[in-house]
Structures are given as C-alpha cells and as structure tokens.
Amino acid sequence: MSLSNWLLLAAGLLALLGLLPWMRPRRTRRGSRGGLGRALGAFALLVALLLAGLGGLLRQYHWLTADVPVATISLRQLGSQRFEATLVRPGQPDRQFEILGDEWQLDARVIRWTLPGQLAGMRPVYRFERLSGRYGDPKQELVAQRSVHDLREGWDFWEFRQRWLAGLPVADARWGSAAYLPMIDGATYEVSLNPRGGLVAKPADPKTELLLQQAGW
C-alpha cells in the first residue's frame, strides 16, 4: 500500500478515536476527566485532518508525476521517404496522413497550471497544432518537398485564455512542444504528455523498439 493510503487510513482511525469522547453519555463527560477526554479527542481530530490533507496531497503528487498518453502514430511506407501515418487520439476517429521525409514530428500548444490548480487535479491543457515530416539531412530539408498537416479543430482554449484570463495568475507556463522520431515501415509510437507539459514520444511495442535499434537509434 502506498504512503498516501497509509496516511489516509491513519487519519480515519484517529478521527474515529477523536469522536469517541463526544459519543459517550453526557454524564461521563462532566468534570476534569470529561474535559481531558474532549481535549484529547479534539487533538486527535486535528491530527487526523492534517494526515488526511497530507495523504491527499501525496496522492495528487503521485498522479501528477505520471505521463498521460495522448496519441499513437503508426507508419506504413509507400515509397522512398514517403509514408502513410495513422494518427489515433482518445475519443476521436483515426486519421491518415501522407508524410514525406525521414522523421515525423508532432507539434502541440501547451498550458500548464499554477500549483493550486495542479494540486486540484488539473492536467496541462494541450492542443495539437500540426503533424509534419522532416528530413534527416538539413540540406535536403531546404530544397525537398515538405508535408505539413493542420490538426487544429474545434474550440481554441488558447485564444480564450489570451482574451479572458491573460491578467489572472492561472497559467504557470505556456509554450509550444514537439516530439519526433524516425519513420520506419511497420513502426508504432506512443506520444504522451508529461506533468511538465512536454510531449514525449517512445516506441509503443517491442517490435518498434527493435526497428529503432536496427536503424541505429
């Protein structure tokens, strides 16, 4: 059992003990002994409240340290430096894009909340901007055909924040974040958003890990 659960369990036991002096018949609470029991009970309730608060904060902190999967990208090679990418996002239909180059790149716009918002369980807000291809050789990047796909759709929280919340200290940081990895036929990648608000890409299965090793990554 985690430390946060132990603290919450201890808080529950202390709260029960703290309530006992107040649950006795009225005649047993008269005199010095009754007053001492109530004082100890109040102290136990206070400690229980502190332990419960600490346990809740630790539980939130543990949750905030976990990466949140936001997308997977699967690749199928169509030709030389030409791939079909299938983008899968939770709660949205799969989409296919043709990407040119040696590597795929996923860009997002991110807002991370201030500490009170984080402790309240508010995750970083993100919005995918584009999926594009890039070439491993910078010289080829300057002259070769580019492929960029716009992923923006629906309501834009970023514009809402800029217009209505810009003067409030609700955002700890806001920036653009990107993740990229090589395009390999048959590879599948998982893209996650970490608690700091950055995109992180990694192989989604052992097959992709092996393909990366064979490609020298």
C-alpha atoms as a PDB file:
ATOM      1  CA  MET A   1       0.000   0.000   0.000  1.00  0.00           C
ATOM      2  CA  SER A   2       1.292   3.458  -0.889  1.00  0.00           C
ATOM      3  CA  LEU A   3       2.292   6.080   1.697  1.00  0.00           C
ATOM      4  CA  SER A   4      -0.711   8.239   0.805  1.00  0.00           C
ATOM      5  CA  ASN A   5      -3.092   5.344   1.519  1.00  0.00           C
ATOM      6  CA  TRP A   6      -1.383   4.640   4.866  1.00  0.00           C
ATOM      7  CA  LEU A   7      -1.776   8.296   5.834  1.00  0.00           C
ATOM      8  CA  LEU A   8      -5.457   8.279   4.884  1.00  0.00           C
ATOM      9  CA  LEU A   9      -6.006   5.067   6.857  1.00  0.00           C
ATOM     10  CA  ALA A  10      -4.268   6.539   9.915  1.00  0.00           C
ATOM     11  CA  ALA A  11      -6.387   9.683   9.551  1.00  0.00           C
ATOM     12  CA  GLY A  12      -9.554   7.593   9.576  1.00  0.00           C
ATOM     13  CA  LEU A  13      -8.531   5.695  12.709  1.00  0.00           C
ATOM     14  CA  LEU A  14      -7.543   8.890  14.533  1.00  0.00           C
ATOM     15  CA  ALA A  15     -10.824  10.542  13.547  1.00  0.00           C
ATOM     16  CA  LEU A  16     -12.728   7.580  14.986  1.00  0.00           C
ATOM     17  CA  LEU A  17     -10.752   7.765  18.245  1.00  0.00           C
ATOM     18  CA  GLY A  18     -11.241  11.517  18.384  1.00  0.00           C
ATOM     19  CA  LEU A  19     -15.007  11.147  18.112  1.00  0.00           C
ATOM     20  CA  LEU A  20     -15.291   8.596  20.923  1.00  0.00           C
ATOM     21  CA  PRO A  21     -15.195  11.135  23.822  1.00  0.00           C
ATOM     22  CA  TRP A  22     -18.021  13.054  22.147  1.00  0.00           C
ATOM     23  CA  MET A  23     -20.141   9.918  21.703  1.00  0.00           C
ATOM     24  CA  ARG A  24     -20.237   8.954  25.405  1.00  0.00           C
ATOM     25  CA  PRO A  25     -23.327   9.686  27.530  1.00  0.00           C
ATOM     26  CA  ARG A  26     -23.435  13.267  28.837  1.00  0.00           C
ATOM     27  CA  ARG A  27     -22.930  12.277  32.487  1.00  0.00           C
ATOM     28  CA  THR A  28     -19.494  10.769  31.726  1.00  0.00           C
ATOM     29  CA  ARG A  29     -18.257  13.987  30.187  1.00  0.00           C
ATOM     30  CA  ARG A  30     -18.562  16.071  33.388  1.00  0.00           C
ATOM     31  CA  GLY A  31     -15.588  17.003  35.452  1.00  0.00           C
ATOM     32  CA  SER A  32     -11.884  17.092  34.720  1.00  0.00           C
ATOM     33  CA  ARG A  33     -11.784  13.654  33.124  1.00  0.00           C
ATOM     34  CA  GLY A  34     -14.511  14.583  30.687  1.00  0.00           C
ATOM     35  CA  GLY A  35     -12.725  17.804  29.779  1.00  0.00           C
ATOM     36  CA  LEU A  36      -9.425  15.968  29.254  1.00  0.00           C
ATOM     37  CA  GLY A  37     -11.134  13.396  27.041  1.00  0.00           C
ATOM     38  CA  ARG A  38     -12.684  16.108  24.902  1.00  0.00           C
ATOM     39  CA  ALA A  39      -9.335  17.890  24.611  1.00  0.00           C
ATOM     40  CA  LEU A  40      -7.573  14.683  23.538  1.00  0.00           C
ATOM     41  CA  GLY A  41     -10.411  13.959  21.128  1.00  0.00           C
ATOM     42  CA  ALA A  42     -10.128  17.411  19.568  1.00  0.00           C
ATOM     43  CA  PHE A  43      -6.357  16.966  19.253  1.00  0.00           C
ATOM     44  CA  ALA A  44      -6.838  13.579  17.558  1.00  0.00           C
ATOM     45  CA  LEU A  45      -9.330  15.104  15.128  1.00  0.00           C
ATOM     46  CA  LEU A  46      -6.865  17.882  14.300  1.00  0.00           C
ATOM     47  CA  VAL A  47      -4.059  15.389  13.644  1.00  0.00           C
ATOM     48  CA  ALA A  48      -6.442  13.282  11.552  1.00  0.00           C
ATOM     49  CA  LEU A  49      -7.316  16.316   9.467  1.00  0.00           C
ATOM     50  CA  LEU A  50      -3.622  17.089   8.909  1.00  0.00           C
ATOM     51  CA  LEU A  51      -2.832  13.482   7.955  1.00  0.00           C
ATOM     52  CA  ALA A  52      -5.793  13.370   5.574  1.00  0.00           C
ATOM     53  CA  GLY A  53      -4.659  16.579   3.912  1.00  0.00           C
ATOM     54  CA  LEU A  54      -1.101  15.316   3.570  1.00  0.00           C
ATOM     55  CA  GLY A  55      -2.309  11.990   2.200  1.00  0.00           C
ATOM     56  CA  GLY A  56      -4.470  13.767  -0.334  1.00  0.00           C
ATOM     57  CA  LEU A  57      -1.572  15.955  -1.458  1.00  0.00           C
ATOM     58  CA  LEU A  58       0.729  12.955  -1.828  1.00  0.00           C
ATOM     59  CA  ARG A  59      -1.899  11.107  -3.832  1.00  0.00           C
ATOM     60  CA  GLN A  60      -2.260  14.092  -6.145  1.00  0.00           C
ATOM     61  CA  TYR A  61       1.502  14.455  -6.455  1.00  0.00           C
ATOM     62  CA  HIS A  62       1.883  10.795  -7.381  1.00  0.00           C
ATOM     63  CA  TRP A  63      -0.818  11.215 -10.000  1.00  0.00           C
ATOM     64  CA  LEU A  64       0.837  14.349 -11.388  1.00  0.00           C
ATOM     65  CA  THR A  65       4.140  12.552 -11.937  1.00  0.00           C
ATOM     66  CA  ALA A  66       2.597  10.102 -14.412  1.00  0.00           C
ATOM     67  CA  ASP A  67       2.728  10.634 -18.169  1.00  0.00           C
ATOM     68  CA  VAL A  68      -0.667  10.802 -19.880  1.00  0.00           C
ATOM     69  CA  PRO A  69      -0.913   9.045 -23.287  1.00  0.00           C
ATOM     70  CA  VAL A  70      -2.423  11.432 -25.847  1.00  0.00           C
ATOM     71  CA  ALA A  71      -1.827   9.744 -29.223  1.00  0.00           C
ATOM     72  CA  THR A  72      -0.298   6.866 -31.147  1.00  0.00           C
ATOM     73  CA  ILE A  73       1.271   7.081 -34.595  1.00  0.00           C
ATOM     74  CA  SER A  74       1.571   4.013 -36.854  1.00  0.00           C
ATOM     75  CA  LEU A  75       3.596   4.102 -40.072  1.00  0.00           C
ATOM     76  CA  ARG A  76       3.388   2.319 -43.417  1.00  0.00           C
ATOM     77  CA  GLN A  77       5.966   3.005 -46.108  1.00  0.00           C
ATOM     78  CA  LEU A  78       4.609   3.996 -49.525  1.00  0.00           C
ATOM     79  CA  GLY A  79       7.905   4.735 -51.248  1.00  0.00           C
ATOM     80  CA  SER A  80      11.304   6.334 -50.793  1.00  0.00           C
ATOM     81  CA  GLN A  81      10.958   8.911 -47.985  1.00  0.00           C
ATOM     82  CA  ARG A  82       7.175   8.630 -48.314  1.00  0.00           C
ATOM     83  CA  PHE A  83       4.960   7.192 -45.579  1.00  0.00           C
ATOM     84  CA  GLU A  84       1.344   6.907 -44.536  1.00  0.00           C
ATOM     85  CA  ALA A  85       0.880   7.848 -40.867  1.00  0.00           C
ATOM     86  CA  THR A  86      -2.198   6.796 -38.906  1.00  0.00           C
ATOM     87  CA  LEU A  87      -2.850   9.142 -36.003  1.00  0.00           C
ATOM     88  CA  VAL A  88      -5.000   7.744 -33.176  1.00  0.00           C
ATOM     89  CA  ARG A  89      -6.222  10.019 -30.384  1.00  0.00           C
ATOM     90  CA  PRO A  90      -8.523   9.122 -27.450  1.00  0.00           C
ATOM     91  CA  GLY A  91     -12.154   9.747 -28.247  1.00  0.00           C
ATOM     92  CA  GLN A  92     -11.519  10.781 -31.864  1.00  0.00           C
ATOM     93  CA  PRO A  93     -11.657   8.926 -35.184  1.00  0.00           C
ATOM     94  CA  ASP A  94      -8.415   7.642 -36.678  1.00  0.00           C
ATOM     95  CA  ARG A  95      -6.862   9.854 -39.330  1.00  0.00           C
ATOM     96  CA  GLN A  96      -4.396   9.027 -42.092  1.00  0.00           C
ATOM     97  CA  PHE A  97      -1.803  11.429 -43.478  1.00  0.00           C
ATOM     98  CA  GLU A  98       0.878  11.186 -46.125  1.00  0.00           C
ATOM     99  CA  ILE A  99       4.215  12.340 -44.748  1.00  0.00           C
ATOM    100  CA  LEU A 100       7.446  12.967 -46.638  1.00  0.00           C
ATOM    101  CA  GLY A 101      10.933  12.732 -45.194  1.00  0.00           C
ATOM    102  CA  ASP A 102      12.862  10.608 -42.739  1.00  0.00           C
ATOM    103  CA  GLU A 103      11.177  11.568 -39.461  1.00  0.00           C
ATOM    104  CA  TRP A 104       7.693  12.525 -38.313  1.00  0.00           C
ATOM    105  CA  GLN A 105       7.099  15.472 -35.988  1.00  0.00           C
ATOM    106  CA  LEU A 106       4.025  16.207 -33.869  1.00  0.00           C
ATOM    107  CA  ASP A 107       3.611  19.771 -32.565  1.00  0.00           C
ATOM    108  CA  ALA A 108       1.312  20.913 -29.760  1.00  0.00           C
ATOM    109  CA  ARG A 109       0.482  24.059 -27.846  1.00  0.00           C
ATOM    110  CA  VAL A 110       0.534  23.545 -24.066  1.00  0.00           C
ATOM    111  CA  ILE A 111      -0.665  25.427 -20.963  1.00  0.00           C
ATOM    112  CA  ARG A 112       0.446  24.239 -17.531  1.00  0.00           C
ATOM    113  CA  TRP A 113      -1.452  25.453 -14.475  1.00  0.00           C
ATOM    114  CA  THR A 114      -0.142  27.069 -11.298  1.00  0.00           C
ATOM    115  CA  LEU A 115       0.419  24.946  -8.188  1.00  0.00           C
ATOM    116  CA  PRO A 116      -3.118  25.317  -6.713  1.00  0.00           C
ATOM    117  CA  GLY A 117      -4.591  24.113  -9.987  1.00  0.00           C
ATOM    118  CA  GLN A 118      -2.159  21.197 -10.182  1.00  0.00           C
ATOM    119  CA  LEU A 119      -2.994  20.081  -6.629  1.00  0.00           C
ATOM    120  CA  ALA A 120      -6.685  20.299  -7.516  1.00  0.00           C
ATOM    121  CA  GLY A 121      -6.042  17.716 -10.234  1.00  0.00           C
ATOM    122  CA  MET A 122      -5.979  19.987 -13.306  1.00  0.00           C
ATOM    123  CA  ARG A 123      -3.897  18.451 -16.069  1.00  0.00           C
ATOM    124  CA  PRO A 124      -1.920  20.530 -18.536  1.00  0.00           C
ATOM    125  CA  VAL A 125      -4.110  21.734 -21.381  1.00  0.00           C
ATOM    126  CA  TYR A 126      -2.806  20.838 -24.829  1.00  0.00           C
ATOM    127  CA  ARG A 127      -3.902  21.318 -28.398  1.00  0.00           C
ATOM    128  CA  PHE A 128      -2.306  19.550 -31.339  1.00  0.00           C
ATOM    129  CA  GLU A 129      -1.132  22.006 -33.973  1.00  0.00           C
ATOM    130  CA  ARG A 130       0.366  20.004 -36.818  1.00  0.00           C
ATOM    131  CA  LEU A 131       1.822  16.708 -37.987  1.00  0.00           C
ATOM    132  CA  SER A 132       4.677  17.058 -40.414  1.00  0.00           C
ATOM    133  CA  GLY A 133       7.654  15.299 -41.962  1.00  0.00           C
ATOM    134  CA  ARG A 134      11.284  16.305 -41.681  1.00  0.00           C
ATOM    135  CA  TYR A 135      14.454  15.206 -43.423  1.00  0.00           C
ATOM    136  CA  GLY A 136      17.493  13.919 -41.605  1.00  0.00           C
ATOM    137  CA  ASP A 137      19.824  15.967 -43.822  1.00  0.00           C
ATOM    138  CA  PRO A 138      19.374  19.719 -43.166  1.00  0.00           C
ATOM    139  CA  LYS A 139      20.492  20.489 -46.730  1.00  0.00           C
ATOM    140  CA  GLN A 140      17.709  18.305 -48.118  1.00  0.00           C
ATOM    141  CA  GLU A 141      15.294  19.990 -45.714  1.00  0.00           C
ATOM    142  CA  LEU A 142      15.958  23.290 -47.512  1.00  0.00           C
ATOM    143  CA  VAL A 143      15.102  22.076 -51.014  1.00  0.00           C
ATOM    144  CA  ALA A 144      12.937  18.928 -50.730  1.00  0.00           C
ATOM    145  CA  GLN A 145       9.143  18.806 -50.810  1.00  0.00           C
ATOM    146  CA  ARG A 146       7.556  19.407 -47.435  1.00  0.00           C
ATOM    147  CA  SER A 147       4.458  17.796 -45.894  1.00  0.00           C
ATOM    148  CA  VAL A 148       2.562  19.621 -43.141  1.00  0.00           C
ATOM    149  CA  HIS A 149      -0.947  18.718 -41.907  1.00  0.00           C
ATOM    150  CA  ASP A 150      -3.055  21.092 -39.811  1.00  0.00           C
ATOM    151  CA  LEU A 151      -4.523  19.364 -36.729  1.00  0.00           C
ATOM    152  CA  ARG A 152      -6.302  22.375 -35.251  1.00  0.00           C
ATOM    153  CA  GLU A 153     -10.042  21.909 -34.929  1.00  0.00           C
ATOM    154  CA  GLY A 154     -12.929  22.965 -32.741  1.00  0.00           C
ATOM    155  CA  TRP A 155     -12.821  25.419 -29.837  1.00  0.00           C
ATOM    156  CA  ASP A 156      -9.471  27.039 -29.112  1.00  0.00           C
ATOM    157  CA  PHE A 157      -8.780  27.329 -25.364  1.00  0.00           C
ATOM    158  CA  TRP A 158      -5.565  29.217 -26.108  1.00  0.00           C
ATOM    159  CA  GLU A 159      -7.475  32.130 -27.637  1.00  0.00           C
ATOM    160  CA  PHE A 160      -9.919  32.048 -24.707  1.00  0.00           C
ATOM    161  CA  ARG A 161      -7.027  32.275 -22.235  1.00  0.00           C
ATOM    162  CA  GLN A 162      -5.394  35.117 -24.126  1.00  0.00           C
ATOM    163  CA  ARG A 163      -8.633  37.088 -24.285  1.00  0.00           C
ATOM    164  CA  TRP A 164     -10.212  36.435 -20.862  1.00  0.00           C
ATOM    165  CA  LEU A 165      -7.581  35.012 -18.497  1.00  0.00           C
ATOM    166  CA  ALA A 166      -4.413  36.808 -19.557  1.00  0.00           C
ATOM    167  CA  GLY A 167      -4.439  39.044 -16.470  1.00  0.00           C
ATOM    168  CA  LEU A 168      -5.023  36.217 -13.985  1.00  0.00           C
ATOM    169  CA  PRO A 169      -2.221  34.094 -12.443  1.00  0.00           C
ATOM    170  CA  VAL A 170      -3.776  30.820 -13.578  1.00  0.00           C
ATOM    171  CA  ALA A 171      -1.119  29.642 -16.032  1.00  0.00           C
ATOM    172  CA  ASP A 172       2.292  28.668 -14.711  1.00  0.00           C
ATOM    173  CA  ALA A 173       3.749  28.385 -18.227  1.00  0.00           C
ATOM    174  CA  ARG A 174       2.603  28.153 -21.825  1.00  0.00           C
ATOM    175  CA  TRP A 175       4.663  27.168 -24.796  1.00  0.00           C
ATOM    176  CA  GLY A 176       4.913  25.015 -27.864  1.00  0.00           C
ATOM    177  CA  SER A 177       6.132  21.454 -27.569  1.00  0.00           C
ATOM    178  CA  ALA A 178       7.138  18.931 -30.222  1.00  0.00           C
ATOM    179  CA  ALA A 179       8.134  15.274 -30.427  1.00  0.00           C
ATOM    180  CA  TYR A 180       9.752  13.476 -33.336  1.00  0.00           C
ATOM    181  CA  LEU A 181      11.180  10.063 -34.173  1.00  0.00           C
ATOM    182  CA  PRO A 182      12.252   8.303 -37.391  1.00  0.00           C
ATOM    183  CA  MET A 183       9.722   6.950 -39.872  1.00  0.00           C
ATOM    184  CA  ILE A 184      10.173   3.191 -40.243  1.00  0.00           C
ATOM    185  CA  ASP A 185       7.830   0.837 -42.051  1.00  0.00           C
ATOM    186  CA  GLY A 186       5.666  -1.005 -39.506  1.00  0.00           C
ATOM    187  CA  ALA A 187       6.678   1.139 -36.525  1.00  0.00           C
ATOM    188  CA  THR A 188       4.162   2.362 -33.938  1.00  0.00           C
ATOM    189  CA  TYR A 189       4.909   5.147 -31.491  1.00  0.00           C
ATOM    190  CA  GLU A 190       3.139   6.331 -28.348  1.00  0.00           C
ATOM    191  CA  VAL A 191       3.048  10.053 -27.601  1.00  0.00           C
ATOM    192  CA  SER A 192       2.476  11.168 -24.009  1.00  0.00           C
ATOM    193  CA  LEU A 193       2.106  14.483 -22.219  1.00  0.00           C
ATOM    194  CA  ASN A 194       4.217  14.687 -19.082  1.00  0.00           C
ATOM    195  CA  PRO A 195       3.312  16.733 -15.963  1.00  0.00           C
ATOM    196  CA  ARG A 196       5.704  19.485 -17.017  1.00  0.00           C
ATOM    197  CA  GLY A 197       3.641  19.972 -20.171  1.00  0.00           C
ATOM    198  CA  GLY A 198       6.034  18.457 -22.717  1.00  0.00           C
ATOM    199  CA  LEU A 199       5.336  15.875 -25.395  1.00  0.00           C
ATOM    200  CA  VAL A 200       7.319  12.640 -25.119  1.00  0.00           C
ATOM    201  CA  ALA A 201       7.446  10.005 -27.886  1.00  0.00           C
ATOM    202  CA  LYS A 202       8.590   6.420 -27.423  1.00  0.00           C
ATOM    203  CA  PRO A 203       8.156   3.003 -29.079  1.00  0.00           C
ATOM    204  CA  ALA A 204       4.708   1.550 -28.443  1.00  0.00           C
ATOM    205  CA  ASP A 205       5.804  -2.102 -28.621  1.00  0.00           C
ATOM    206  CA  PRO A 206       8.912  -4.360 -28.659  1.00  0.00           C
ATOM    207  CA  LYS A 207       8.760  -4.605 -32.458  1.00  0.00           C
ATOM    208  CA  THR A 208       9.213  -0.850 -32.844  1.00  0.00           C
ATOM    209  CA  GLU A 209      11.994  -0.878 -30.246  1.00  0.00           C
ATOM    210  CA  LEU A 210      13.835  -3.484 -32.321  1.00  0.00           C
ATOM    211  CA  LEU A 211      13.283  -1.498 -35.531  1.00  0.00           C
ATOM    212  CA  LEU A 212      14.769   1.568 -33.870  1.00  0.00           C
ATOM    213  CA  GLN A 213      17.824  -0.367 -32.726  1.00  0.00           C
ATOM    214  CA  GLN A 214      18.323  -1.759 -36.232  1.00  0.00           C
ATOM    215  CA  ALA A 215      18.071   1.778 -37.636  1.00  0.00           C
ATOM    216  CA  GLY A 216      20.779   2.992 -35.236  1.00  0.00           C
ATOM    217  CA  TRP A 217      18.553   4.941 -32.858  1.00  0.00           C
END
